[in-house]
Amino acid sequence: MIRIFESGGRHGGGKRGDALKAERERIADIANAFLERAGSARRVSHKSWADLGIDRQPEPTMGEGRKAAAVKRKKHGRRTALVSGMRATRIQENELASVEEEIMATNATRQARAGIRPRSRADFKQKLLRERFPDLPNAEGWAGSLHFIDTSNSGLIRIATKDGGHVEIRNRLAKVESLADRWRSRGFTEVTEAPDGVWIEVGKCRLQDLGDELRIHGPAASDAAVREAPLNFVSHENQDESHALRRYVSAHAHGRTYPEFARFDPATQCWVESNATEAAGRCDGKAFRLVRRPGLPWCPWLGLDARVAEDHALQTFFELRAREPHDWQRLFKEVTCNRSQALRNWRREGLAILSRVRMQEAHGPTCACLPPSPRSSGCPAGGCAP
């Protein structure tokens, strides 16, 4: 009994067990120091998976004797077959996790939708937080309060919180906007914050925004009326980038610009398109309203949704591939067939063009053949206005 107590048994503890743990920790520290010196991001730990919070069953110990016997018989034993099955399952789980990460990286809203395992969604958000904000303490706690993290644009990080807040980080500068502020920035004045969401009054209609869900209350607020309203009340940030790209190309192809002014129509109890001539001297917040807000980005095709207009890769692609009106018709057919694939392909081509242009600027005009470079002055085609 004294020897068992001193050794600590299978579960550690005791003098010899504590000494063994201390030695394992010392070896792990030495290994991590060498890995850091070599510039590797990998690290080792002396702790068990259970202590690290990893939900994975450890493999049973096979031993050299069982492995040699399985090789000699050319057939698995009971223990080696169990370990082999566990390894095959882990390989499939890693492949599934890789596919899920690729889906969530392409479409950030998938981080908050069904179809992706909850554990994968949480791990992916924690991974993004650690990569983008290495000094952030308690990444696990922060990830649990976030709706999604969009890092598809290299120069912009968009974060949506579960309580409806919105954060944009560009060039290490953060812009924080609450759910109520986002409605007020669109010109809505009757906005009330409540524990059950944000309430917006539009005539006889009341909208309840829960952050990830929009509810409509009132007899005059049918779904068709809201969908057909020129000023769509549904938050642009709640829609994926590929849908915004399709609306952007569609507006270009059909020549539909976004109205800078709105007029309240008593007959339909909603805001409709207006212009500066009608609204001159009458923007009192009741009959007329200024949609374009001073100091906020503005896209002539999508209004306050300037995601596509501020994407340098997409604007470079449009500058070189959509110089004529019929080019926009062709692009509209392409994005209608598969908008997600169009977003990936166009952005990839735009990034490649920008990379080659930078290479040409660095090495001079004797560099490899390049397509015509975008205009050096002014905003690219369809870009956003200040």
Protein backbone atom coordinates (compact mmCIF):
# COMPACT_ATOMS: atom_id res chain seq x y z
CA MET A 1 0.00 0.00 0.00
CA ILE A 2 2.87 2.38 0.77
CA ARG A 3 4.42 1.77 -2.66
CA ILE A 4 1.04 2.37 -4.41
CA PHE A 5 0.54 5.61 -2.47
CA GLU A 6 4.06 6.85 -3.26
CA SER A 7 3.80 5.98 -6.98
CA GLY A 8 0.39 7.57 -7.37
CA GLY A 9 -1.04 4.59 -9.23
CA ARG A 10 -2.65 5.00 -12.67
CA HIS A 11 -4.25 8.38 -11.87
CA GLY A 12 -1.12 10.18 -10.70
CA GLY A 13 -0.55 11.82 -7.35
CA GLY A 14 1.87 10.71 -4.69
CA LYS A 15 5.57 11.52 -4.60
CA ARG A 16 6.61 9.63 -7.71
CA GLY A 17 3.48 10.72 -9.60
CA ASP A 18 4.06 14.40 -8.83
CA ALA A 19 7.71 14.08 -9.79
CA LEU A 20 6.74 12.45 -13.09
CA LYS A 21 4.28 15.28 -13.87
CA ALA A 22 6.90 17.90 -13.08
CA GLU A 23 9.41 16.16 -15.36
CA ARG A 24 6.87 15.92 -18.20
CA GLU A 25 6.08 19.63 -17.82
CA ARG A 26 9.81 20.49 -17.91
CA ILE A 27 10.33 18.48 -21.10
CA ALA A 28 7.26 20.13 -22.72
CA ASP A 29 8.63 23.60 -21.88
CA ILE A 30 11.99 22.75 -23.43
CA ALA A 31 10.32 21.38 -26.59
CA ASN A 32 8.10 24.48 -26.92
CA ALA A 33 11.13 26.77 -26.51
CA PHE A 34 12.89 25.00 -29.39
CA LEU A 35 9.72 25.10 -31.54
CA GLU A 36 9.33 28.83 -30.93
CA ARG A 37 12.99 29.42 -31.74
CA ALA A 38 12.54 27.51 -35.01
CA GLY A 39 9.55 29.68 -35.95
CA SER A 40 7.02 26.85 -35.73
CA ALA A 41 3.44 27.50 -34.59
CA ARG A 42 3.14 24.00 -33.12
CA ARG A 43 3.27 23.40 -29.39
CA VAL A 44 3.30 20.33 -27.14
CA SER A 45 1.64 19.89 -23.76
CA HIS A 46 2.12 17.52 -20.87
CA LYS A 47 -1.58 17.71 -20.02
CA SER A 48 -4.16 15.10 -20.99
CA TRP A 49 -6.96 15.74 -23.52
CA ALA A 50 -9.45 15.91 -20.67
CA ASP A 51 -7.39 18.63 -18.92
CA LEU A 52 -7.13 20.56 -22.21
CA GLY A 53 -10.91 20.40 -22.75
CA ILE A 54 -10.63 18.25 -25.90
CA ASP A 55 -13.59 15.92 -26.32
CA ARG A 56 -11.73 12.92 -27.73
CA GLN A 57 -11.16 9.42 -26.46
CA PRO A 58 -7.50 8.43 -26.10
CA GLU A 59 -6.30 5.39 -27.98
CA PRO A 60 -5.72 2.21 -25.98
CA THR A 61 -2.07 1.32 -25.51
CA MET A 62 -1.02 -1.40 -27.98
CA GLY A 63 2.56 -2.03 -26.98
CA GLU A 64 5.38 -3.23 -29.18
CA GLY A 65 4.46 -6.88 -28.60
CA ARG A 66 0.93 -6.55 -30.01
CA LYS A 67 2.18 -4.57 -33.02
CA ALA A 68 4.87 -7.16 -33.79
CA ALA A 69 2.34 -10.00 -33.46
CA ALA A 70 -0.13 -8.25 -35.82
CA VAL A 71 2.63 -7.75 -38.40
CA LYS A 72 3.72 -11.37 -38.10
CA ARG A 73 0.15 -12.74 -38.42
CA LYS A 74 -0.74 -10.15 -41.10
CA LYS A 75 -4.00 -9.78 -39.27
CA HIS A 76 -5.33 -7.41 -36.63
CA GLY A 77 -5.87 -8.53 -33.09
CA ARG A 78 -8.69 -7.21 -30.95
CA ARG A 79 -6.69 -4.29 -29.54
CA THR A 80 -4.96 -3.33 -32.82
CA ALA A 81 -8.30 -3.51 -34.71
CA LEU A 82 -9.85 -1.15 -32.15
CA VAL A 83 -6.99 1.37 -32.49
CA SER A 84 -7.07 1.14 -36.29
CA GLY A 85 -10.82 1.86 -36.32
CA MET A 86 -10.38 4.83 -34.00
CA ARG A 87 -7.68 6.28 -36.26
CA ALA A 88 -9.83 5.84 -39.38
CA THR A 89 -12.73 7.59 -37.63
CA ARG A 90 -10.47 10.46 -36.57
CA ILE A 91 -9.24 10.90 -40.16
CA GLN A 92 -12.85 11.15 -41.40
CA GLU A 93 -13.71 13.62 -38.64
CA ASN A 94 -10.73 15.79 -39.58
CA GLU A 95 -11.77 15.78 -43.23
CA LEU A 96 -15.34 16.74 -42.26
CA ALA A 97 -14.03 19.54 -40.04
CA SER A 98 -11.86 20.80 -42.92
CA VAL A 99 -14.88 20.91 -45.26
CA GLU A 100 -16.95 22.71 -42.63
CA GLU A 101 -14.19 25.29 -42.11
CA GLU A 102 -14.01 25.90 -45.86
CA ILE A 103 -17.77 26.45 -46.01
CA MET A 104 -17.72 28.86 -43.05
CA ALA A 105 -14.73 30.75 -44.47
CA THR A 106 -16.50 31.22 -47.82
CA ASN A 107 -19.85 32.20 -46.29
CA ALA A 108 -19.54 33.73 -42.83
CA THR A 109 -23.28 33.47 -42.09
CA ARG A 110 -22.89 29.67 -42.03
CA GLN A 111 -21.19 30.12 -38.65
CA ALA A 112 -24.66 30.79 -37.20
CA ARG A 113 -26.83 28.43 -39.28
CA ALA A 114 -27.88 24.84 -38.94
CA GLY A 115 -26.04 22.27 -41.04
CA ILE A 116 -22.65 22.84 -39.40
CA ARG A 117 -21.91 21.02 -36.16
CA PRO A 118 -22.10 23.34 -33.13
CA ARG A 119 -18.66 22.26 -31.97
CA SER A 120 -17.15 23.06 -35.38
CA ARG A 121 -18.80 26.49 -35.40
CA ALA A 122 -17.42 27.32 -31.95
CA ASP A 123 -13.92 26.01 -32.76
CA PHE A 124 -13.79 27.94 -36.04
CA LYS A 125 -14.75 31.25 -34.40
CA GLN A 126 -12.16 30.66 -31.67
CA LYS A 127 -9.55 29.94 -34.34
CA LEU A 128 -10.34 33.17 -36.20
CA LEU A 129 -10.17 35.19 -32.97
CA ARG A 130 -6.78 33.72 -32.05
CA GLU A 131 -5.41 34.35 -35.55
CA ARG A 132 -6.66 37.93 -35.89
CA PHE A 133 -6.41 38.98 -32.23
CA PRO A 134 -3.57 36.99 -30.62
CA ASP A 135 -3.58 39.19 -27.49
CA LEU A 136 -7.30 38.71 -26.83
CA PRO A 137 -7.90 36.99 -23.46
CA ASN A 138 -10.59 34.32 -23.11
CA ALA A 139 -11.20 33.70 -26.82
CA GLU A 140 -13.62 30.89 -25.93
CA GLY A 141 -15.88 33.25 -24.01
CA TRP A 142 -15.86 35.86 -26.77
CA ALA A 143 -16.61 33.28 -29.47
CA GLY A 144 -19.74 32.19 -27.62
CA SER A 145 -21.22 35.71 -27.83
CA LEU A 146 -20.55 36.24 -31.56
CA HIS A 147 -22.94 35.55 -34.41
CA PHE A 148 -20.25 35.31 -37.07
CA ILE A 149 -16.79 36.62 -38.00
CA ASP A 150 -16.29 37.57 -41.65
CA THR A 151 -12.64 37.66 -42.78
CA SER A 152 -13.23 37.03 -46.50
CA ASN A 153 -12.04 40.58 -47.29
CA SER A 154 -8.35 40.85 -46.42
CA GLY A 155 -8.58 44.51 -45.42
CA LEU A 156 -11.82 44.32 -43.45
CA ILE A 157 -13.03 42.23 -40.52
CA ARG A 158 -16.79 42.20 -39.91
CA ILE A 159 -18.12 40.85 -36.62
CA ALA A 160 -21.80 40.41 -35.76
CA THR A 161 -22.78 39.77 -32.15
CA LYS A 162 -25.72 37.68 -31.02
CA ASP A 163 -27.41 40.71 -29.47
CA GLY A 164 -27.52 42.46 -32.86
CA GLY A 165 -24.38 44.59 -32.59
CA HIS A 166 -22.04 45.10 -35.52
CA VAL A 167 -18.28 45.78 -35.51
CA GLU A 168 -16.11 46.63 -38.52
CA ILE A 169 -12.31 46.68 -38.18
CA ARG A 170 -10.34 48.26 -41.01
CA ASN A 171 -6.62 49.07 -40.75
CA ARG A 172 -6.70 48.47 -36.97
CA LEU A 173 -9.53 51.02 -36.58
CA ALA A 174 -12.80 49.68 -35.16
CA LYS A 175 -16.27 51.01 -35.86
CA VAL A 176 -18.89 49.76 -33.38
CA GLU A 177 -22.57 50.08 -34.16
CA SER A 178 -25.50 48.71 -32.14
CA LEU A 179 -28.60 47.27 -33.73
CA ALA A 180 -30.61 50.42 -32.94
CA ASP A 181 -27.85 52.66 -34.34
CA ARG A 182 -27.93 50.74 -37.61
CA TRP A 183 -31.63 51.50 -38.01
CA ARG A 184 -31.13 55.16 -37.10
CA SER A 185 -28.29 55.46 -39.63
CA ARG A 186 -30.82 54.57 -42.33
CA GLY A 187 -32.98 57.51 -41.33
CA PHE A 188 -35.57 55.80 -39.11
CA THR A 189 -36.46 58.03 -36.16
CA GLU A 190 -39.03 55.90 -34.28
CA VAL A 191 -36.54 53.35 -32.92
CA THR A 192 -36.93 51.89 -29.43
CA GLU A 193 -34.53 49.52 -27.68
CA ALA A 194 -36.18 46.87 -25.49
CA PRO A 195 -35.20 43.58 -23.80
CA ASP A 196 -37.05 41.66 -26.54
CA GLY A 197 -35.18 43.39 -29.39
CA VAL A 198 -35.34 46.69 -31.24
CA TRP A 199 -38.74 48.05 -32.29
CA ILE A 200 -39.09 50.28 -35.36
CA GLU A 201 -42.31 52.11 -36.19
CA VAL A 202 -43.07 52.70 -39.87
CA GLY A 203 -46.53 54.22 -40.10
CA LYS A 204 -49.00 51.65 -38.78
CA CYS A 205 -46.40 48.91 -39.10
CA ARG A 206 -44.03 47.85 -36.31
CA LEU A 207 -40.87 45.90 -37.00
CA GLN A 208 -39.18 43.81 -34.32
CA ASP A 209 -35.50 43.14 -35.01
CA LEU A 210 -34.01 40.34 -32.88
CA GLY A 211 -30.56 40.50 -34.44
CA ASP A 212 -30.86 37.32 -36.50
CA GLU A 213 -34.61 37.51 -37.16
CA LEU A 214 -36.97 40.25 -38.34
CA ARG A 215 -40.64 40.08 -37.29
CA ILE A 216 -43.40 42.22 -38.77
CA HIS A 217 -46.38 43.41 -36.70
CA GLY A 218 -49.35 45.37 -37.95
CA PRO A 219 -52.20 44.95 -40.46
CA ALA A 220 -50.53 47.01 -43.20
CA ALA A 221 -47.22 45.17 -43.09
CA SER A 222 -47.55 42.22 -45.42
CA ASP A 223 -44.45 40.33 -46.52
CA ALA A 224 -45.04 41.34 -50.15
CA ALA A 225 -45.22 45.05 -49.24
CA VAL A 226 -41.95 44.88 -47.36
CA ARG A 227 -40.22 42.97 -50.16
CA GLU A 228 -41.45 45.39 -52.83
CA ALA A 229 -40.56 48.54 -50.90
CA PRO A 230 -37.67 50.34 -52.64
CA LEU A 231 -36.00 50.83 -49.25
CA ASN A 232 -35.66 47.29 -48.11
CA PHE A 233 -36.05 47.12 -44.35
CA VAL A 234 -34.16 43.87 -44.04
CA SER A 235 -30.64 44.50 -42.79
CA HIS A 236 -27.99 44.23 -45.52
CA GLU A 237 -25.52 42.81 -43.05
CA ASN A 238 -27.78 39.80 -42.43
CA GLN A 239 -27.47 38.76 -46.07
CA ASP A 240 -24.45 37.02 -47.45
CA GLU A 241 -21.93 38.71 -49.69
CA SER A 242 -22.85 36.62 -52.70
CA HIS A 243 -26.43 37.91 -52.60
CA ALA A 244 -25.13 41.48 -52.30
CA LEU A 245 -22.92 40.83 -55.34
CA ARG A 246 -25.91 39.62 -57.37
CA ARG A 247 -27.94 42.72 -56.46
CA TYR A 248 -24.96 44.92 -57.33
CA VAL A 249 -24.50 43.36 -60.77
CA SER A 250 -28.26 43.35 -61.39
CA ALA A 251 -28.49 47.08 -60.62
CA HIS A 252 -25.59 47.75 -62.99
CA ALA A 253 -27.05 45.59 -65.75
CA HIS A 254 -30.51 47.22 -65.53
CA GLY A 255 -29.28 50.75 -64.81
CA ARG A 256 -31.04 51.03 -61.44
CA THR A 257 -29.36 53.46 -59.06
CA TYR A 258 -30.20 53.57 -55.37
CA PRO A 259 -32.37 56.57 -54.32
CA GLU A 260 -30.76 59.15 -52.07
CA PHE A 261 -34.14 60.46 -50.91
CA ALA A 262 -37.36 58.77 -49.78
CA ARG A 263 -40.94 59.97 -49.52
CA PHE A 264 -43.60 58.56 -47.20
CA ASP A 265 -46.69 57.38 -49.10
CA PRO A 266 -49.82 57.49 -46.88
CA ALA A 267 -51.69 55.14 -49.24
CA THR A 268 -49.27 52.24 -48.84
CA GLN A 269 -47.94 53.34 -45.41
CA CYS A 270 -44.33 52.91 -46.52
CA TRP A 271 -41.39 54.89 -47.83
CA VAL A 272 -40.96 55.08 -51.62
CA GLU A 273 -38.30 56.44 -53.93
CA SER A 274 -37.90 60.20 -54.28
CA ASN A 275 -35.34 62.71 -55.55
CA ALA A 276 -33.62 65.91 -54.50
CA THR A 277 -36.06 68.11 -56.44
CA GLU A 278 -39.12 66.77 -54.59
CA ALA A 279 -37.37 66.78 -51.24
CA ALA A 280 -35.88 70.28 -51.54
CA GLY A 281 -36.62 72.09 -48.29
CA ARG A 282 -38.92 69.32 -47.05
CA CYS A 283 -36.57 66.79 -45.40
CA ASP A 284 -38.21 67.18 -42.00
CA GLY A 285 -38.10 63.49 -41.05
CA LYS A 286 -41.84 63.06 -41.66
CA ALA A 287 -42.82 63.49 -45.30
CA PHE A 288 -39.31 63.21 -46.77
CA ARG A 289 -36.12 61.59 -45.60
CA LEU A 290 -32.48 61.71 -46.65
CA VAL A 291 -31.31 58.13 -47.18
CA ARG A 292 -27.68 58.95 -47.84
CA ARG A 293 -26.13 59.73 -44.48
CA PRO A 294 -23.22 62.19 -44.19
CA GLY A 295 -19.94 60.53 -43.25
CA LEU A 296 -21.09 56.98 -44.10
CA PRO A 297 -19.93 55.00 -47.16
CA TRP A 298 -22.34 55.20 -50.08
CA CYS A 299 -22.68 52.98 -53.13
CA PRO A 300 -24.71 54.40 -56.05
CA TRP A 301 -26.06 50.91 -56.77
CA LEU A 302 -26.74 49.47 -53.29
CA GLY A 303 -26.97 52.56 -51.10
CA LEU A 304 -25.48 52.11 -47.63
CA ASP A 305 -24.43 48.54 -48.41
CA ALA A 306 -20.93 49.33 -49.69
CA ARG A 307 -19.38 45.89 -49.23
CA VAL A 308 -19.01 45.17 -52.94
CA ALA A 309 -18.06 48.74 -53.79
CA GLU A 310 -15.25 48.69 -51.19
CA ASP A 311 -13.90 45.29 -52.24
CA HIS A 312 -10.75 46.19 -54.21
CA ALA A 313 -10.44 42.74 -55.79
CA LEU A 314 -14.01 42.78 -57.17
CA GLN A 315 -13.72 46.39 -58.36
CA THR A 316 -10.49 45.55 -60.17
CA PHE A 317 -12.25 42.63 -61.86
CA PHE A 318 -15.17 44.87 -62.92
CA GLU A 319 -12.78 47.56 -64.17
CA LEU A 320 -11.16 45.12 -66.59
CA ARG A 321 -14.03 42.75 -67.44
CA ALA A 322 -17.09 45.04 -67.52
CA ARG A 323 -16.20 48.04 -69.64
CA GLU A 324 -19.30 47.89 -71.87
CA PRO A 325 -23.01 47.66 -70.95
CA HIS A 326 -23.35 44.22 -72.56
CA ASP A 327 -20.53 42.97 -70.27
CA TRP A 328 -22.76 43.63 -67.24
CA GLN A 329 -25.54 41.60 -68.86
CA ARG A 330 -23.14 38.70 -69.31
CA LEU A 331 -21.94 38.97 -65.71
CA PHE A 332 -25.54 39.11 -64.49
CA LYS A 333 -26.33 35.80 -66.19
CA GLU A 334 -23.22 34.27 -64.65
CA VAL A 335 -23.93 35.46 -61.11
CA THR A 336 -27.58 34.39 -61.40
CA CYS A 337 -26.58 30.81 -62.21
CA ASN A 338 -24.29 30.46 -59.17
CA ARG A 339 -23.62 33.60 -57.15
CA SER A 340 -21.30 31.92 -54.62
CA GLN A 341 -19.08 30.50 -57.33
CA ALA A 342 -19.09 33.84 -59.17
CA LEU A 343 -18.00 35.62 -55.99
CA ARG A 344 -15.10 33.22 -55.48
CA ASN A 345 -13.96 33.25 -59.12
CA TRP A 346 -14.23 37.01 -59.61
CA ARG A 347 -12.49 37.84 -56.35
CA ARG A 348 -9.72 35.33 -57.12
CA GLU A 349 -9.18 36.84 -60.56
CA GLY A 350 -9.21 40.37 -59.14
CA LEU A 351 -6.60 39.45 -56.52
CA ALA A 352 -4.43 37.86 -59.20
CA ILE A 353 -4.65 41.02 -61.32
CA LEU A 354 -3.74 43.24 -58.34
CA SER A 355 -0.79 40.98 -57.51
CA ARG A 356 0.52 41.18 -61.07
CA VAL A 357 0.07 44.94 -61.16
CA ARG A 358 2.09 45.30 -57.94
CA MET A 359 4.75 43.04 -59.41
CA GLN A 360 4.91 45.21 -62.51
CA GLU A 361 5.22 48.36 -60.41
CA ALA A 362 8.02 46.75 -58.40
CA HIS A 363 10.01 45.30 -61.32
CA GLY A 364 9.17 47.80 -64.06
CA PRO A 365 7.44 47.40 -67.42
CA THR A 366 9.84 44.62 -68.48
CA CYS A 367 7.92 42.20 -66.23
CA ALA A 368 5.77 39.43 -67.69
CA CYS A 369 2.75 40.31 -69.81
CA LEU A 370 -0.01 41.88 -67.73
CA PRO A 371 -3.56 42.94 -68.51
CA PRO A 372 -4.25 46.67 -68.67
CA SER A 373 -3.97 48.14 -65.16
CA PRO A 374 -6.93 49.87 -63.50
CA ARG A 375 -7.14 53.64 -63.62
CA SER A 376 -4.76 55.16 -61.14
CA SER A 377 -7.06 58.07 -60.29
CA GLY A 378 -10.63 58.13 -59.09
CA CYS A 379 -12.79 55.34 -57.78
CA PRO A 380 -13.09 52.11 -59.85
CA ALA A 381 -16.24 51.49 -61.84
CA GLY A 382 -19.20 51.48 -59.54
CA GLY A 383 -17.11 52.36 -56.52
CA CYS A 384 -18.45 53.96 -53.40
CA ALA A 385 -18.77 57.69 -52.89
CA PRO A 386 -17.32 59.30 -49.77
